[in-house]
Amino acid sequence: MSAAPLLVLVGPMGVGKSTVGQLLAERLGAGYRDTDEDIVTGQGRTIADIFVDEGEAAFRALEKRTVHRALAEHDGVLALGGGAILDADTRGLLAGQRVVYLSMDVEEAVRRTGLNAARPLLAVNPRKQWRELMEARRHLYEEVATVVVATDGRTPEEVTRAALDALELKEA
């Protein structure tokens, strides 16, 4: 028998999926899982290292397998990496799931992440690259989302409350 996550968080890098996901899991009395953490633990190296050593295509294939496994196994709060929604099969699996898209604008992204080189897709001209990534991905996040929660200028606690309210979920 396969499980289904209580809810799935999607959104760009640095939006706070891990922080908000842990708070949501706590409030809902559920487990928390992050597919990026699964990849790092399983591979014994950082995502940036995987990108550098093997390239984006190899990382995306690994990410797809990891996300599909987590969607089948995990029954709590699940956070997906920023690019997981690029895969059509993954988007198909998210149909019918409770998906929260955490959004932010570029200024908020700069403030939160510093748009630093530890983000392999943002190594050169980070603001421009972040905008381009979001132009390519925003419609995909929106396609899979049950609800959209803006994070700009909000604390993790405020975002968590907004997500619970938007999904009409009660705390444990």
N, C-alpha and C. Protein backbone atom coordinates (compact mmCIF):
# COMPACT_ATOMS: atom_id res chain seq x y z
N MET A 1 0.84 -1.18 0.00
CA MET A 1 0.00 0.00 0.00
C MET A 1 0.89 1.24 0.00
N SER A 2 0.55 2.20 -0.81
CA SER A 2 1.37 3.41 -0.85
C SER A 2 0.72 4.51 -0.02
N ALA A 3 1.57 5.31 0.54
CA ALA A 3 1.12 6.45 1.33
C ALA A 3 0.91 7.62 0.38
N ALA A 4 0.38 8.69 0.92
CA ALA A 4 0.33 9.95 0.18
C ALA A 4 0.68 11.04 1.18
N PRO A 5 1.49 11.99 0.76
CA PRO A 5 1.85 13.06 1.70
C PRO A 5 0.61 13.83 2.17
N LEU A 6 0.67 14.29 3.39
CA LEU A 6 -0.37 15.16 3.93
C LEU A 6 -0.42 16.44 3.11
N LEU A 7 0.77 16.97 2.81
CA LEU A 7 0.89 18.10 1.90
C LEU A 7 2.29 18.16 1.35
N VAL A 8 2.42 18.80 0.17
CA VAL A 8 3.70 18.91 -0.52
C VAL A 8 3.99 20.39 -0.72
N LEU A 9 5.23 20.78 -0.42
CA LEU A 9 5.66 22.17 -0.62
C LEU A 9 6.52 22.26 -1.87
N VAL A 10 6.21 23.24 -2.73
CA VAL A 10 7.02 23.53 -3.91
C VAL A 10 7.31 25.02 -3.93
N GLY A 11 8.33 25.39 -4.68
CA GLY A 11 8.70 26.80 -4.81
C GLY A 11 10.18 26.92 -5.09
N PRO A 12 10.62 28.14 -5.38
CA PRO A 12 12.01 28.36 -5.75
C PRO A 12 12.98 28.15 -4.58
N MET A 13 14.25 27.99 -4.93
CA MET A 13 15.30 27.87 -3.91
C MET A 13 15.28 29.10 -3.01
N GLY A 14 15.47 28.86 -1.72
CA GLY A 14 15.55 29.97 -0.78
C GLY A 14 14.22 30.52 -0.29
N VAL A 15 13.10 29.95 -0.75
CA VAL A 15 11.79 30.48 -0.38
C VAL A 15 11.39 30.09 1.04
N GLY A 16 12.03 29.05 1.58
CA GLY A 16 11.74 28.64 2.95
C GLY A 16 10.97 27.33 3.05
N LYS A 17 11.06 26.49 2.02
CA LYS A 17 10.32 25.23 2.05
C LYS A 17 10.73 24.36 3.24
N SER A 18 12.02 24.31 3.53
CA SER A 18 12.49 23.47 4.64
C SER A 18 12.01 24.01 5.98
N THR A 19 12.18 25.30 6.20
CA THR A 19 11.78 25.91 7.47
C THR A 19 10.28 25.81 7.67
N VAL A 20 9.52 26.21 6.67
CA VAL A 20 8.06 26.18 6.77
C VAL A 20 7.57 24.73 6.83
N GLY A 21 8.21 23.85 6.08
CA GLY A 21 7.83 22.44 6.10
C GLY A 21 7.97 21.83 7.48
N GLN A 22 9.07 22.15 8.16
CA GLN A 22 9.27 21.63 9.52
C GLN A 22 8.23 22.20 10.48
N LEU A 23 7.91 23.49 10.34
CA LEU A 23 6.88 24.10 11.19
C LEU A 23 5.51 23.49 10.92
N LEU A 24 5.18 23.28 9.65
CA LEU A 24 3.90 22.66 9.31
C LEU A 24 3.80 21.25 9.89
N ALA A 25 4.87 20.48 9.74
CA ALA A 25 4.87 19.11 10.27
C ALA A 25 4.65 19.12 11.78
N GLU A 26 5.34 20.03 12.45
CA GLU A 26 5.19 20.17 13.90
C GLU A 26 3.74 20.50 14.27
N ARG A 27 3.17 21.49 13.60
CA ARG A 27 1.80 21.94 13.90
C ARG A 27 0.76 20.87 13.59
N LEU A 28 1.05 20.05 12.59
CA LEU A 28 0.08 19.03 12.16
C LEU A 28 0.34 17.67 12.82
N GLY A 29 1.39 17.59 13.63
CA GLY A 29 1.72 16.33 14.27
C GLY A 29 2.10 15.25 13.27
N ALA A 30 2.82 15.67 12.23
CA ALA A 30 3.19 14.76 11.14
C ALA A 30 4.71 14.74 10.97
N GLY A 31 5.20 13.78 10.21
CA GLY A 31 6.62 13.71 9.89
C GLY A 31 6.97 14.72 8.81
N TYR A 32 8.26 15.03 8.72
CA TYR A 32 8.75 15.96 7.71
C TYR A 32 9.82 15.27 6.88
N ARG A 33 9.81 15.51 5.59
CA ARG A 33 10.81 14.95 4.68
C ARG A 33 11.13 15.97 3.59
N ASP A 34 12.39 16.05 3.23
CA ASP A 34 12.87 16.99 2.21
C ASP A 34 13.63 16.16 1.17
N THR A 35 13.18 16.22 -0.09
CA THR A 35 13.82 15.38 -1.11
C THR A 35 15.25 15.80 -1.40
N ASP A 36 15.58 17.09 -1.24
CA ASP A 36 16.97 17.50 -1.40
C ASP A 36 17.85 16.85 -0.34
N GLU A 37 17.34 16.78 0.90
CA GLU A 37 18.09 16.11 1.97
C GLU A 37 18.25 14.62 1.66
N ASP A 38 17.20 14.01 1.11
CA ASP A 38 17.28 12.59 0.73
C ASP A 38 18.42 12.38 -0.27
N ILE A 39 18.52 13.29 -1.24
CA ILE A 39 19.56 13.18 -2.28
C ILE A 39 20.95 13.33 -1.66
N VAL A 40 21.13 14.35 -0.85
CA VAL A 40 22.44 14.60 -0.22
C VAL A 40 22.84 13.40 0.65
N THR A 41 21.90 12.90 1.44
CA THR A 41 22.19 11.75 2.31
C THR A 41 22.51 10.51 1.47
N GLY A 42 21.69 10.26 0.46
CA GLY A 42 21.87 9.07 -0.38
C GLY A 42 23.14 9.09 -1.20
N GLN A 43 23.56 10.29 -1.63
CA GLN A 43 24.74 10.42 -2.48
C GLN A 43 26.01 10.72 -1.68
N GLY A 44 25.85 11.17 -0.44
CA GLY A 44 27.01 11.50 0.38
C GLY A 44 27.77 12.72 -0.11
N ARG A 45 27.08 13.61 -0.81
CA ARG A 45 27.70 14.85 -1.29
C ARG A 45 26.60 15.89 -1.55
N THR A 46 27.03 17.12 -1.72
CA THR A 46 26.07 18.21 -1.91
C THR A 46 25.45 18.17 -3.30
N ILE A 47 24.32 18.84 -3.42
CA ILE A 47 23.68 18.97 -4.73
C ILE A 47 24.58 19.75 -5.68
N ALA A 48 25.24 20.78 -5.17
CA ALA A 48 26.18 21.55 -6.01
C ALA A 48 27.27 20.64 -6.57
N ASP A 49 27.78 19.72 -5.74
CA ASP A 49 28.81 18.78 -6.21
C ASP A 49 28.27 17.84 -7.29
N ILE A 50 27.04 17.39 -7.12
CA ILE A 50 26.44 16.51 -8.12
C ILE A 50 26.31 17.26 -9.45
N PHE A 51 25.86 18.51 -9.39
CA PHE A 51 25.75 19.34 -10.60
C PHE A 51 27.10 19.46 -11.29
N VAL A 52 28.13 19.79 -10.51
CA VAL A 52 29.47 19.99 -11.08
C VAL A 52 30.04 18.69 -11.63
N ASP A 53 29.94 17.61 -10.87
CA ASP A 53 30.55 16.34 -11.26
C ASP A 53 29.81 15.62 -12.38
N GLU A 54 28.47 15.69 -12.37
CA GLU A 54 27.69 14.86 -13.29
C GLU A 54 26.80 15.65 -14.23
N GLY A 55 26.56 16.92 -13.94
CA GLY A 55 25.72 17.74 -14.79
C GLY A 55 24.26 17.76 -14.35
N GLU A 56 23.54 18.75 -14.88
CA GLU A 56 22.15 18.92 -14.46
C GLU A 56 21.27 17.74 -14.86
N ALA A 57 21.47 17.17 -16.05
CA ALA A 57 20.61 16.06 -16.50
C ALA A 57 20.70 14.87 -15.55
N ALA A 58 21.90 14.53 -15.12
CA ALA A 58 22.07 13.41 -14.19
C ALA A 58 21.42 13.73 -12.85
N PHE A 59 21.58 14.99 -12.39
CA PHE A 59 20.93 15.38 -11.14
C PHE A 59 19.42 15.28 -11.26
N ARG A 60 18.86 15.77 -12.36
CA ARG A 60 17.39 15.76 -12.53
C ARG A 60 16.85 14.33 -12.56
N ALA A 61 17.58 13.40 -13.15
CA ALA A 61 17.15 11.99 -13.16
C ALA A 61 17.15 11.43 -11.74
N LEU A 62 18.18 11.73 -10.99
CA LEU A 62 18.27 11.31 -9.59
C LEU A 62 17.15 11.96 -8.77
N GLU A 63 16.92 13.25 -9.00
CA GLU A 63 15.87 13.98 -8.29
C GLU A 63 14.50 13.36 -8.57
N LYS A 64 14.24 13.03 -9.84
CA LYS A 64 12.95 12.44 -10.22
C LYS A 64 12.71 11.14 -9.46
N ARG A 65 13.71 10.26 -9.44
CA ARG A 65 13.56 8.98 -8.72
C ARG A 65 13.31 9.23 -7.23
N THR A 66 14.05 10.16 -6.67
CA THR A 66 13.94 10.47 -5.24
C THR A 66 12.55 11.03 -4.91
N VAL A 67 12.07 11.96 -5.73
CA VAL A 67 10.76 12.57 -5.50
C VAL A 67 9.65 11.53 -5.64
N HIS A 68 9.73 10.69 -6.66
CA HIS A 68 8.69 9.68 -6.87
C HIS A 68 8.65 8.70 -5.69
N ARG A 69 9.82 8.32 -5.18
CA ARG A 69 9.89 7.43 -4.01
C ARG A 69 9.26 8.11 -2.79
N ALA A 70 9.60 9.37 -2.57
CA ALA A 70 9.07 10.10 -1.41
C ALA A 70 7.56 10.27 -1.50
N LEU A 71 7.05 10.56 -2.70
CA LEU A 71 5.60 10.72 -2.88
C LEU A 71 4.87 9.41 -2.57
N ALA A 72 5.50 8.28 -2.87
CA ALA A 72 4.88 6.97 -2.62
C ALA A 72 5.01 6.52 -1.17
N GLU A 73 6.06 6.98 -0.48
CA GLU A 73 6.36 6.46 0.87
C GLU A 73 5.94 7.36 2.01
N HIS A 74 5.97 8.67 1.81
CA HIS A 74 5.85 9.60 2.93
C HIS A 74 4.42 10.08 3.13
N ASP A 75 3.95 10.04 4.37
CA ASP A 75 2.57 10.45 4.63
C ASP A 75 2.47 11.75 5.45
N GLY A 76 3.59 12.46 5.57
CA GLY A 76 3.59 13.72 6.32
C GLY A 76 3.75 14.91 5.39
N VAL A 77 4.55 15.88 5.82
CA VAL A 77 4.83 17.08 5.03
C VAL A 77 6.08 16.81 4.20
N LEU A 78 5.99 17.06 2.90
CA LEU A 78 7.08 16.77 1.98
C LEU A 78 7.49 18.04 1.25
N ALA A 79 8.77 18.40 1.33
CA ALA A 79 9.30 19.55 0.60
C ALA A 79 10.09 19.05 -0.60
N LEU A 80 9.81 19.62 -1.78
CA LEU A 80 10.53 19.23 -3.00
C LEU A 80 11.56 20.29 -3.35
N GLY A 81 12.63 19.87 -4.01
CA GLY A 81 13.63 20.81 -4.50
C GLY A 81 13.00 21.76 -5.52
N GLY A 82 13.61 22.92 -5.68
CA GLY A 82 13.06 23.97 -6.53
C GLY A 82 12.78 23.55 -7.96
N GLY A 83 13.58 22.64 -8.51
CA GLY A 83 13.41 22.24 -9.91
C GLY A 83 12.63 20.96 -10.11
N ALA A 84 12.14 20.35 -9.04
CA ALA A 84 11.46 19.05 -9.16
C ALA A 84 10.25 19.11 -10.09
N ILE A 85 9.60 20.26 -10.16
CA ILE A 85 8.39 20.41 -10.97
C ILE A 85 8.69 20.51 -12.46
N LEU A 86 9.96 20.55 -12.84
CA LEU A 86 10.30 20.59 -14.26
C LEU A 86 9.93 19.28 -14.96
N ASP A 87 9.86 18.19 -14.22
CA ASP A 87 9.58 16.89 -14.79
C ASP A 87 8.07 16.66 -14.93
N ALA A 88 7.63 16.36 -16.15
CA ALA A 88 6.20 16.17 -16.43
C ALA A 88 5.60 15.01 -15.62
N ASP A 89 6.35 13.91 -15.46
CA ASP A 89 5.84 12.78 -14.68
C ASP A 89 5.62 13.18 -13.23
N THR A 90 6.54 13.95 -12.70
CA THR A 90 6.41 14.43 -11.32
C THR A 90 5.18 15.32 -11.20
N ARG A 91 5.00 16.23 -12.15
CA ARG A 91 3.80 17.09 -12.11
C ARG A 91 2.53 16.23 -12.17
N GLY A 92 2.57 15.16 -12.94
CA GLY A 92 1.42 14.26 -13.01
C GLY A 92 1.13 13.61 -11.67
N LEU A 93 2.18 13.20 -10.96
CA LEU A 93 2.00 12.59 -9.63
C LEU A 93 1.49 13.60 -8.61
N LEU A 94 1.77 14.87 -8.83
CA LEU A 94 1.31 15.91 -7.89
C LEU A 94 -0.17 16.26 -8.10
N ALA A 95 -0.72 15.89 -9.26
CA ALA A 95 -2.14 16.15 -9.52
C ALA A 95 -2.96 15.39 -8.47
N GLY A 96 -3.88 16.07 -7.85
CA GLY A 96 -4.70 15.44 -6.83
C GLY A 96 -4.09 15.46 -5.44
N GLN A 97 -2.84 15.92 -5.33
CA GLN A 97 -2.20 16.08 -4.02
C GLN A 97 -2.50 17.48 -3.48
N ARG A 98 -2.32 17.66 -2.20
CA ARG A 98 -2.46 18.97 -1.56
C ARG A 98 -1.08 19.64 -1.69
N VAL A 99 -0.95 20.60 -2.61
CA VAL A 99 0.35 21.21 -2.92
C VAL A 99 0.32 22.70 -2.60
N VAL A 100 1.28 23.13 -1.80
CA VAL A 100 1.43 24.54 -1.45
C VAL A 100 2.63 25.10 -2.21
N TYR A 101 2.37 26.12 -3.04
CA TYR A 101 3.43 26.83 -3.76
C TYR A 101 3.80 28.05 -2.93
N LEU A 102 5.00 28.05 -2.38
CA LEU A 102 5.52 29.20 -1.64
C LEU A 102 6.20 30.12 -2.66
N SER A 103 5.69 31.33 -2.79
CA SER A 103 6.21 32.26 -3.79
C SER A 103 6.96 33.41 -3.14
N MET A 104 7.84 34.03 -3.91
CA MET A 104 8.53 35.25 -3.48
C MET A 104 9.02 35.98 -4.72
N ASP A 105 9.23 37.30 -4.57
CA ASP A 105 9.76 38.06 -5.71
C ASP A 105 11.28 38.10 -5.64
N VAL A 106 11.90 38.64 -6.69
CA VAL A 106 13.36 38.59 -6.79
C VAL A 106 14.05 39.34 -5.66
N GLU A 107 13.47 40.46 -5.23
CA GLU A 107 14.11 41.21 -4.13
C GLU A 107 14.14 40.40 -2.85
N GLU A 108 13.07 39.67 -2.59
CA GLU A 108 13.03 38.80 -1.41
C GLU A 108 14.06 37.68 -1.57
N ALA A 109 14.19 37.14 -2.77
CA ALA A 109 15.17 36.08 -3.03
C ALA A 109 16.59 36.58 -2.76
N VAL A 110 16.88 37.80 -3.20
CA VAL A 110 18.20 38.39 -2.96
C VAL A 110 18.44 38.53 -1.47
N ARG A 111 17.45 39.04 -0.76
CA ARG A 111 17.58 39.26 0.67
C ARG A 111 17.81 37.94 1.41
N ARG A 112 17.07 36.90 1.02
CA ARG A 112 17.15 35.63 1.75
C ARG A 112 18.37 34.81 1.42
N THR A 113 18.69 34.69 0.15
CA THR A 113 19.76 33.76 -0.25
C THR A 113 21.07 34.46 -0.49
N GLY A 114 21.00 35.80 -0.69
CA GLY A 114 22.20 36.49 -1.11
C GLY A 114 22.53 36.09 -2.54
N LEU A 115 21.70 35.19 -3.09
CA LEU A 115 21.92 34.63 -4.44
C LEU A 115 23.40 34.32 -4.63
N ASN A 116 23.88 33.43 -3.79
CA ASN A 116 25.31 33.14 -3.78
C ASN A 116 25.69 31.97 -4.67
N ALA A 117 26.97 31.77 -4.83
CA ALA A 117 27.51 30.76 -5.74
C ALA A 117 27.26 29.33 -5.27
N ALA A 118 26.83 29.14 -4.01
CA ALA A 118 26.50 27.80 -3.55
C ALA A 118 25.27 27.26 -4.27
N ARG A 119 24.57 28.13 -4.98
CA ARG A 119 23.41 27.74 -5.78
C ARG A 119 23.91 27.54 -7.21
N PRO A 120 24.07 26.30 -7.64
CA PRO A 120 24.74 26.06 -8.92
C PRO A 120 24.06 26.69 -10.13
N LEU A 121 22.75 26.89 -10.07
CA LEU A 121 22.07 27.49 -11.22
C LEU A 121 22.14 29.02 -11.22
N LEU A 122 22.75 29.58 -10.19
CA LEU A 122 22.79 31.05 -10.07
C LEU A 122 24.20 31.60 -10.00
N ALA A 123 25.16 30.86 -10.51
CA ALA A 123 26.56 31.22 -10.32
C ALA A 123 26.96 32.54 -10.99
N VAL A 124 26.39 32.86 -12.14
CA VAL A 124 26.75 34.08 -12.87
C VAL A 124 25.52 34.97 -12.98
N ASN A 125 25.65 36.26 -12.67
CA ASN A 125 24.54 37.21 -12.71
C ASN A 125 23.30 36.64 -12.03
N PRO A 126 23.36 36.46 -10.72
CA PRO A 126 22.30 35.77 -9.99
C PRO A 126 20.90 36.37 -10.16
N ARG A 127 20.76 37.70 -10.09
CA ARG A 127 19.42 38.29 -10.21
C ARG A 127 18.79 37.96 -11.55
N LYS A 128 19.57 38.11 -12.61
CA LYS A 128 19.06 37.82 -13.96
C LYS A 128 18.71 36.34 -14.08
N GLN A 129 19.59 35.48 -13.58
CA GLN A 129 19.34 34.05 -13.68
C GLN A 129 18.14 33.64 -12.84
N TRP A 130 17.98 34.24 -11.65
CA TRP A 130 16.82 33.92 -10.81
C TRP A 130 15.54 34.31 -11.54
N ARG A 131 15.52 35.51 -12.13
CA ARG A 131 14.33 35.95 -12.88
C ARG A 131 14.02 34.99 -14.02
N GLU A 132 15.06 34.57 -14.75
CA GLU A 132 14.86 33.65 -15.87
C GLU A 132 14.36 32.29 -15.39
N LEU A 133 14.92 31.79 -14.28
CA LEU A 133 14.45 30.53 -13.72
C LEU A 133 12.97 30.65 -13.36
N MET A 134 12.60 31.74 -12.73
CA MET A 134 11.21 31.92 -12.32
C MET A 134 10.28 32.08 -13.52
N GLU A 135 10.75 32.75 -14.56
CA GLU A 135 9.92 32.86 -15.78
C GLU A 135 9.67 31.47 -16.36
N ALA A 136 10.68 30.61 -16.30
CA ALA A 136 10.56 29.25 -16.84
C ALA A 136 9.72 28.34 -15.94
N ARG A 137 9.71 28.62 -14.64
CA ARG A 137 9.10 27.69 -13.68
C ARG A 137 7.78 28.15 -13.08
N ARG A 138 7.53 29.44 -13.02
CA ARG A 138 6.36 29.96 -12.28
C ARG A 138 5.07 29.25 -12.71
N HIS A 139 4.86 29.13 -14.02
CA HIS A 139 3.62 28.49 -14.49
C HIS A 139 3.54 27.02 -14.07
N LEU A 140 4.69 26.37 -13.91
CA LEU A 140 4.70 24.97 -13.49
C LEU A 140 4.36 24.87 -12.00
N TYR A 141 4.90 25.78 -11.20
CA TYR A 141 4.52 25.81 -9.78
C TYR A 141 3.02 26.04 -9.66
N GLU A 142 2.51 27.00 -10.44
CA GLU A 142 1.08 27.32 -10.38
C GLU A 142 0.23 26.16 -10.87
N GLU A 143 0.74 25.43 -11.88
CA GLU A 143 0.00 24.28 -12.43
C GLU A 143 -0.24 23.21 -11.37
N VAL A 144 0.76 22.95 -10.52
CA VAL A 144 0.63 21.86 -9.54
C VAL A 144 0.03 22.33 -8.22
N ALA A 145 -0.06 23.64 -8.01
CA ALA A 145 -0.46 24.17 -6.71
C ALA A 145 -1.95 24.05 -6.43
N THR A 146 -2.27 23.63 -5.22
CA THR A 146 -3.62 23.71 -4.69
C THR A 146 -3.84 25.13 -4.19
N VAL A 147 -2.82 25.66 -3.51
CA VAL A 147 -2.84 27.03 -2.99
C VAL A 147 -1.48 27.68 -3.20
N VAL A 148 -1.48 29.01 -3.32
CA VAL A 148 -0.25 29.78 -3.43
C VAL A 148 -0.17 30.65 -2.18
N VAL A 149 0.98 30.60 -1.51
CA VAL A 149 1.19 31.42 -0.31
C VAL A 149 2.42 32.30 -0.56
N ALA A 150 2.20 33.61 -0.60
CA ALA A 150 3.32 34.55 -0.77
C ALA A 150 4.11 34.62 0.53
N THR A 151 5.43 34.60 0.41
CA THR A 151 6.29 34.63 1.60
C THR A 151 6.94 35.99 1.81
N ASP A 152 6.83 36.88 0.84
CA ASP A 152 7.50 38.18 0.91
C ASP A 152 7.13 38.93 2.19
N GLY A 153 8.17 39.34 2.95
CA GLY A 153 7.96 40.14 4.14
C GLY A 153 7.25 39.42 5.27
N ARG A 154 7.14 38.11 5.20
CA ARG A 154 6.47 37.33 6.26
C ARG A 154 7.49 36.46 6.98
N THR A 155 7.24 36.25 8.27
CA THR A 155 8.08 35.32 9.04
C THR A 155 7.67 33.89 8.68
N PRO A 156 8.55 32.92 8.97
CA PRO A 156 8.16 31.52 8.73
C PRO A 156 6.85 31.14 9.45
N GLU A 157 6.65 31.67 10.65
CA GLU A 157 5.43 31.38 11.41
C GLU A 157 4.21 31.95 10.68
N GLU A 158 4.33 33.16 10.12
CA GLU A 158 3.22 33.76 9.39
C GLU A 158 2.91 32.97 8.11
N VAL A 159 3.94 32.50 7.43
CA VAL A 159 3.76 31.70 6.22
C VAL A 159 3.08 30.37 6.58
N THR A 160 3.52 29.76 7.67
CA THR A 160 2.94 28.50 8.13
C THR A 160 1.45 28.67 8.42
N ARG A 161 1.10 29.72 9.15
CA ARG A 161 -0.30 30.01 9.47
C ARG A 161 -1.11 30.22 8.20
N ALA A 162 -0.55 30.99 7.25
CA ALA A 162 -1.25 31.26 5.98
C ALA A 162 -1.49 29.96 5.20
N ALA A 163 -0.51 29.06 5.21
CA ALA A 163 -0.66 27.78 4.50
C ALA A 163 -1.74 26.93 5.16
N LEU A 164 -1.71 26.85 6.49
CA LEU A 164 -2.73 26.08 7.21
C LEU A 164 -4.12 26.64 6.93
N ASP A 165 -4.24 27.97 6.98
CA ASP A 165 -5.53 28.61 6.72
C ASP A 165 -5.99 28.36 5.29
N ALA A 166 -5.07 28.51 4.33
CA ALA A 166 -5.42 28.34 2.91
C ALA A 166 -5.90 26.91 2.63
N LEU A 167 -5.30 25.94 3.31
CA LEU A 167 -5.68 24.53 3.11
C LEU A 167 -6.80 24.10 4.05
N GLU A 168 -7.17 24.99 4.97
CA GLU A 168 -8.20 24.70 5.97
C GLU A 168 -7.84 23.46 6.78
N LEU A 169 -6.55 23.41 7.19
CA LEU A 169 -6.07 22.31 8.01
C LEU A 169 -6.03 22.72 9.48
N LYS A 170 -6.37 21.80 10.34
CA LYS A 170 -6.36 22.07 11.77
C LYS A 170 -5.06 21.55 12.37
N GLU A 171 -4.54 22.32 13.33
CA GLU A 171 -3.32 21.89 14.01
C GLU A 171 -3.62 20.70 14.91
N ALA A 172 -2.61 19.85 15.08
CA ALA A 172 -2.76 18.65 15.93
C ALA A 172 -2.82 19.04 17.39
